[in-house]
């Protein structure tokens, strides 16, 4: 295996957690909801839009936050969640470009 191919394989491994996060329809819905609400939403507002319990929404928010897709900001007594997808999307784009380059090279 060439060094270039090994590098692409490493990028695949690094992106697996991000891809796993994106496989869940509820997390996809949360991402799209936050994309439409740039100022952020609190857990109850998110739960009201996607028909999940507050604990279920909190779980999905925790996963999204750990993977870098969102951040939170305390406003009063509530945490407001805001979409911050730049870093994970850049990582996924890098993988796509690397795979494309490797495929075109063959």
N, C-alpha and C. Protein backbone atom coordinates (compact mmCIF):
# COMPACT_ATOMS: atom_id res chain seq x y z
N UNK A 1 0.85 -1.18 0.00
CA UNK A 1 0.00 0.00 0.00
C UNK A 1 0.90 1.24 0.00
N UNK A 2 0.59 2.17 -0.88
CA UNK A 2 1.41 3.38 -0.97
C UNK A 2 1.20 4.28 0.25
N UNK A 3 2.14 5.17 0.45
CA UNK A 3 2.04 6.10 1.57
C UNK A 3 0.80 6.99 1.42
N UNK A 4 0.50 7.36 0.18
CA UNK A 4 -0.68 8.19 -0.11
C UNK A 4 -1.97 7.45 0.25
N UNK A 5 -2.03 6.17 -0.13
CA UNK A 5 -3.20 5.35 0.19
C UNK A 5 -3.33 5.17 1.69
N UNK A 6 -2.23 4.97 2.37
CA UNK A 6 -2.25 4.84 3.82
C UNK A 6 -2.78 6.11 4.47
N UNK A 7 -2.41 7.25 3.91
CA UNK A 7 -2.90 8.53 4.44
C UNK A 7 -4.43 8.62 4.28
N UNK A 8 -4.94 8.22 3.12
CA UNK A 8 -6.39 8.23 2.89
C UNK A 8 -7.08 7.28 3.86
N UNK A 9 -6.50 6.11 4.07
CA UNK A 9 -7.09 5.15 5.01
C UNK A 9 -7.12 5.73 6.43
N UNK A 10 -6.09 6.46 6.80
CA UNK A 10 -6.07 7.11 8.11
C UNK A 10 -7.17 8.16 8.21
N UNK A 11 -7.39 8.92 7.12
CA UNK A 11 -8.47 9.91 7.12
C UNK A 11 -9.83 9.24 7.29
N UNK A 12 -10.02 8.09 6.63
CA UNK A 12 -11.26 7.33 6.82
C UNK A 12 -11.45 7.01 8.30
N UNK A 13 -10.41 6.49 8.95
CA UNK A 13 -10.50 6.12 10.36
C UNK A 13 -10.85 7.32 11.23
N UNK A 14 -10.25 8.47 10.92
CA UNK A 14 -10.51 9.68 11.71
C UNK A 14 -11.93 10.20 11.51
N UNK A 15 -12.52 9.91 10.38
CA UNK A 15 -13.88 10.41 10.08
C UNK A 15 -14.98 9.46 10.55
N UNK A 16 -14.63 8.25 10.93
CA UNK A 16 -15.65 7.28 11.35
C UNK A 16 -16.54 7.84 12.45
N UNK A 17 -16.01 8.45 13.51
CA UNK A 17 -16.90 8.98 14.55
C UNK A 17 -17.86 10.05 14.02
N UNK A 18 -17.39 10.89 13.11
CA UNK A 18 -18.26 11.92 12.54
C UNK A 18 -19.36 11.29 11.70
N UNK A 19 -18.99 10.31 10.92
CA UNK A 19 -19.99 9.63 10.08
C UNK A 19 -21.02 8.90 10.94
N UNK A 20 -20.57 8.30 12.03
CA UNK A 20 -21.50 7.61 12.94
C UNK A 20 -22.48 8.60 13.55
N UNK A 21 -22.01 9.78 13.91
CA UNK A 21 -22.89 10.81 14.47
C UNK A 21 -23.97 11.18 13.46
N UNK A 22 -23.58 11.29 12.20
CA UNK A 22 -24.51 11.73 11.16
C UNK A 22 -25.48 10.66 10.69
N UNK A 23 -25.30 9.41 11.13
CA UNK A 23 -26.21 8.36 10.68
C UNK A 23 -27.56 8.40 11.39
N UNK A 24 -27.65 9.08 12.50
CA UNK A 24 -28.89 9.12 13.27
C UNK A 24 -29.84 10.21 12.75
N UNK A 25 -31.07 9.83 12.42
CA UNK A 25 -32.05 10.77 11.87
C UNK A 25 -32.40 11.89 12.84
N UNK A 26 -32.42 11.60 14.13
CA UNK A 26 -32.73 12.64 15.11
C UNK A 26 -31.62 13.69 15.16
N UNK A 27 -30.37 13.24 15.10
CA UNK A 27 -29.26 14.19 15.08
C UNK A 27 -29.26 14.99 13.78
N UNK A 28 -29.61 14.35 12.69
CA UNK A 28 -29.74 15.07 11.42
C UNK A 28 -30.80 16.17 11.55
N UNK A 29 -31.94 15.82 12.17
CA UNK A 29 -33.03 16.79 12.35
C UNK A 29 -32.58 17.95 13.25
N UNK A 30 -31.82 17.64 14.29
CA UNK A 30 -31.33 18.69 15.19
C UNK A 30 -30.37 19.62 14.44
N UNK A 31 -29.48 19.05 13.65
CA UNK A 31 -28.54 19.86 12.87
C UNK A 31 -29.31 20.80 11.94
N UNK A 32 -30.30 20.29 11.24
CA UNK A 32 -31.06 21.11 10.30
C UNK A 32 -31.89 22.17 11.04
N UNK A 33 -32.43 21.82 12.19
CA UNK A 33 -33.19 22.77 13.00
C UNK A 33 -32.29 23.91 13.47
N UNK A 34 -31.11 23.57 13.95
CA UNK A 34 -30.17 24.60 14.40
C UNK A 34 -29.65 25.44 13.23
N UNK A 35 -29.56 24.84 12.06
CA UNK A 35 -29.14 25.59 10.87
C UNK A 35 -30.17 26.68 10.54
N UNK A 36 -31.42 26.43 10.87
CA UNK A 36 -32.49 27.39 10.60
C UNK A 36 -32.63 28.42 11.72
N UNK A 37 -32.02 28.16 12.85
CA UNK A 37 -32.12 29.05 14.01
C UNK A 37 -30.72 29.44 14.46
N UNK A 38 -30.14 30.38 13.76
CA UNK A 38 -28.74 30.77 13.96
C UNK A 38 -28.43 31.25 15.37
N UNK A 39 -29.42 31.82 16.07
CA UNK A 39 -29.17 32.33 17.42
C UNK A 39 -29.20 31.22 18.46
N UNK A 40 -29.56 30.02 18.06
CA UNK A 40 -29.55 28.88 18.98
C UNK A 40 -30.92 28.57 19.56
N UNK A 41 -31.04 27.37 20.07
CA UNK A 41 -32.27 26.90 20.70
C UNK A 41 -31.93 26.16 21.98
N UNK A 42 -32.87 26.17 22.93
CA UNK A 42 -32.68 25.39 24.15
C UNK A 42 -33.35 24.02 23.98
N UNK A 43 -33.07 23.13 24.90
CA UNK A 43 -33.51 21.73 24.80
C UNK A 43 -35.01 21.63 24.60
N UNK A 44 -35.80 22.37 25.38
CA UNK A 44 -37.26 22.26 25.25
C UNK A 44 -37.75 22.68 23.87
N UNK A 45 -37.15 23.71 23.31
CA UNK A 45 -37.54 24.17 21.97
C UNK A 45 -37.21 23.10 20.93
N UNK A 46 -36.04 22.49 21.07
CA UNK A 46 -35.65 21.43 20.14
C UNK A 46 -36.58 20.24 20.28
N UNK A 47 -36.87 19.85 21.52
CA UNK A 47 -37.77 18.72 21.77
C UNK A 47 -39.15 18.98 21.17
N UNK A 48 -39.61 20.20 21.23
CA UNK A 48 -40.91 20.54 20.68
C UNK A 48 -40.97 20.44 19.17
N UNK A 49 -39.85 20.67 18.53
CA UNK A 49 -39.81 20.62 17.06
C UNK A 49 -39.63 19.21 16.50
N UNK A 50 -38.96 18.35 17.24
CA UNK A 50 -38.68 17.03 16.67
C UNK A 50 -39.35 15.88 17.43
N UNK A 51 -40.24 16.22 18.34
CA UNK A 51 -41.04 15.22 19.06
C UNK A 51 -40.22 14.13 19.74
N UNK A 52 -39.23 14.57 20.48
CA UNK A 52 -38.46 13.68 21.35
C UNK A 52 -38.54 14.21 22.77
N UNK A 53 -38.33 13.34 23.72
CA UNK A 53 -38.32 13.77 25.12
C UNK A 53 -37.09 14.63 25.37
N UNK A 54 -37.18 15.42 26.43
CA UNK A 54 -36.03 16.26 26.79
C UNK A 54 -34.78 15.43 27.04
N UNK A 55 -34.87 14.30 27.78
CA UNK A 55 -33.67 13.49 27.98
C UNK A 55 -33.10 12.94 26.67
N UNK A 56 -33.95 12.55 25.74
CA UNK A 56 -33.48 12.03 24.45
C UNK A 56 -32.77 13.14 23.66
N UNK A 57 -33.36 14.34 23.66
CA UNK A 57 -32.73 15.47 22.98
C UNK A 57 -31.40 15.79 23.63
N UNK A 58 -31.36 15.80 24.95
CA UNK A 58 -30.11 16.08 25.67
C UNK A 58 -29.02 15.09 25.29
N UNK A 59 -29.39 13.83 25.16
CA UNK A 59 -28.42 12.81 24.75
C UNK A 59 -27.86 13.13 23.36
N UNK A 60 -28.73 13.43 22.41
CA UNK A 60 -28.28 13.73 21.05
C UNK A 60 -27.43 15.00 21.02
N UNK A 61 -27.81 15.98 21.82
CA UNK A 61 -27.02 17.22 21.89
C UNK A 61 -25.62 16.95 22.44
N UNK A 62 -25.53 16.08 23.42
CA UNK A 62 -24.23 15.72 24.00
C UNK A 62 -23.34 15.08 22.93
N UNK A 63 -23.90 14.16 22.14
CA UNK A 63 -23.14 13.50 21.09
C UNK A 63 -22.70 14.51 20.03
N UNK A 64 -23.60 15.40 19.63
CA UNK A 64 -23.27 16.42 18.63
C UNK A 64 -22.20 17.38 19.15
N UNK A 65 -22.29 17.72 20.43
CA UNK A 65 -21.31 18.64 21.02
C UNK A 65 -19.93 17.98 21.11
N UNK A 66 -19.89 16.72 21.53
CA UNK A 66 -18.61 16.01 21.64
C UNK A 66 -17.92 15.87 20.29
N UNK A 67 -18.70 15.80 19.23
CA UNK A 67 -18.11 15.61 17.90
C UNK A 67 -17.82 16.94 17.20
N UNK A 68 -18.16 18.06 17.84
CA UNK A 68 -17.82 19.36 17.30
C UNK A 68 -18.86 19.97 16.36
N UNK A 69 -20.02 19.34 16.25
CA UNK A 69 -21.05 19.87 15.37
C UNK A 69 -21.81 21.05 15.99
N UNK A 70 -21.84 21.12 17.32
CA UNK A 70 -22.54 22.20 18.00
C UNK A 70 -21.74 22.67 19.21
N UNK A 71 -22.10 23.85 19.71
CA UNK A 71 -21.59 24.36 20.97
C UNK A 71 -22.80 24.82 21.78
N UNK A 72 -22.57 25.12 23.03
CA UNK A 72 -23.67 25.62 23.87
C UNK A 72 -23.23 26.89 24.58
N UNK A 73 -24.22 27.70 24.88
CA UNK A 73 -23.99 28.95 25.59
C UNK A 73 -25.09 29.11 26.62
N UNK A 74 -24.70 29.41 27.85
CA UNK A 74 -25.67 29.59 28.93
C UNK A 74 -26.30 30.98 28.82
N UNK A 75 -27.63 31.00 28.76
CA UNK A 75 -28.40 32.25 28.76
C UNK A 75 -29.48 32.11 29.82
N UNK A 76 -29.30 32.81 30.91
CA UNK A 76 -30.24 32.64 32.02
C UNK A 76 -30.06 31.27 32.62
N UNK A 77 -31.15 30.52 32.70
CA UNK A 77 -31.09 29.17 33.27
C UNK A 77 -30.96 28.09 32.20
N UNK A 78 -31.06 28.47 30.95
CA UNK A 78 -31.04 27.51 29.85
C UNK A 78 -29.72 27.54 29.08
N UNK A 79 -29.33 26.38 28.57
CA UNK A 79 -28.24 26.29 27.62
C UNK A 79 -28.84 26.40 26.22
N UNK A 80 -28.28 27.28 25.42
CA UNK A 80 -28.71 27.41 24.03
C UNK A 80 -27.66 26.75 23.15
N UNK A 81 -28.13 25.94 22.24
CA UNK A 81 -27.24 25.17 21.37
C UNK A 81 -27.18 25.82 20.00
N UNK A 82 -25.95 25.95 19.49
CA UNK A 82 -25.70 26.63 18.23
C UNK A 82 -24.87 25.71 17.34
N UNK A 83 -25.21 25.71 16.08
CA UNK A 83 -24.50 24.90 15.10
C UNK A 83 -23.11 25.48 14.83
N UNK A 84 -22.10 24.64 14.92
CA UNK A 84 -20.71 25.04 14.62
C UNK A 84 -20.05 23.90 13.86
N UNK A 85 -20.47 23.71 12.64
CA UNK A 85 -20.06 22.53 11.87
C UNK A 85 -18.74 22.68 11.12
N UNK A 86 -18.12 23.82 11.19
CA UNK A 86 -16.94 24.09 10.35
C UNK A 86 -15.88 23.00 10.46
N UNK A 87 -15.42 22.70 11.65
CA UNK A 87 -14.32 21.75 11.80
C UNK A 87 -14.69 20.33 11.33
N UNK A 88 -15.83 19.77 11.77
CA UNK A 88 -16.16 18.42 11.28
C UNK A 88 -16.41 18.39 9.77
N UNK A 89 -17.02 19.43 9.22
CA UNK A 89 -17.25 19.46 7.78
C UNK A 89 -15.94 19.56 7.01
N UNK A 90 -14.99 20.33 7.52
CA UNK A 90 -13.69 20.43 6.87
C UNK A 90 -12.99 19.07 6.88
N UNK A 91 -13.13 18.36 7.96
CA UNK A 91 -12.52 17.03 8.06
C UNK A 91 -13.16 16.08 7.04
N UNK A 92 -14.49 16.12 6.91
CA UNK A 92 -15.18 15.27 5.94
C UNK A 92 -14.86 15.68 4.51
N UNK A 93 -14.78 16.98 4.24
CA UNK A 93 -14.41 17.45 2.90
C UNK A 93 -13.01 16.98 2.53
N UNK A 94 -12.11 17.05 3.48
CA UNK A 94 -10.74 16.61 3.24
C UNK A 94 -10.72 15.13 2.85
N UNK A 95 -11.52 14.33 3.53
CA UNK A 95 -11.62 12.91 3.19
C UNK A 95 -12.15 12.73 1.77
N UNK A 96 -13.20 13.44 1.44
CA UNK A 96 -13.80 13.32 0.10
C UNK A 96 -12.80 13.70 -0.98
N UNK A 97 -12.10 14.80 -0.78
CA UNK A 97 -11.10 15.24 -1.76
C UNK A 97 -9.96 14.23 -1.89
N UNK A 98 -9.54 13.67 -0.76
CA UNK A 98 -8.45 12.69 -0.79
C UNK A 98 -8.88 11.42 -1.53
N UNK A 99 -10.10 10.96 -1.27
CA UNK A 99 -10.59 9.77 -1.95
C UNK A 99 -10.73 10.04 -3.44
N UNK A 100 -11.27 11.20 -3.77
CA UNK A 100 -11.43 11.56 -5.19
C UNK A 100 -10.06 11.60 -5.89
N UNK A 101 -9.10 12.22 -5.25
CA UNK A 101 -7.75 12.30 -5.85
C UNK A 101 -7.15 10.93 -6.03
N UNK A 102 -7.33 10.08 -5.04
CA UNK A 102 -6.77 8.73 -5.12
C UNK A 102 -7.45 7.92 -6.22
N UNK A 103 -8.77 8.07 -6.37
CA UNK A 103 -9.51 7.36 -7.41
C UNK A 103 -9.12 7.85 -8.80
N UNK A 104 -8.91 9.15 -8.94
CA UNK A 104 -8.53 9.71 -10.23
C UNK A 104 -7.11 9.32 -10.62
N UNK A 105 -6.30 9.03 -9.61
CA UNK A 105 -4.91 8.65 -9.85
C UNK A 105 -4.80 7.24 -10.43
N UNK A 106 -5.77 6.42 -10.10
CA UNK A 106 -5.72 4.99 -10.54
C UNK A 106 -6.02 4.82 -11.98
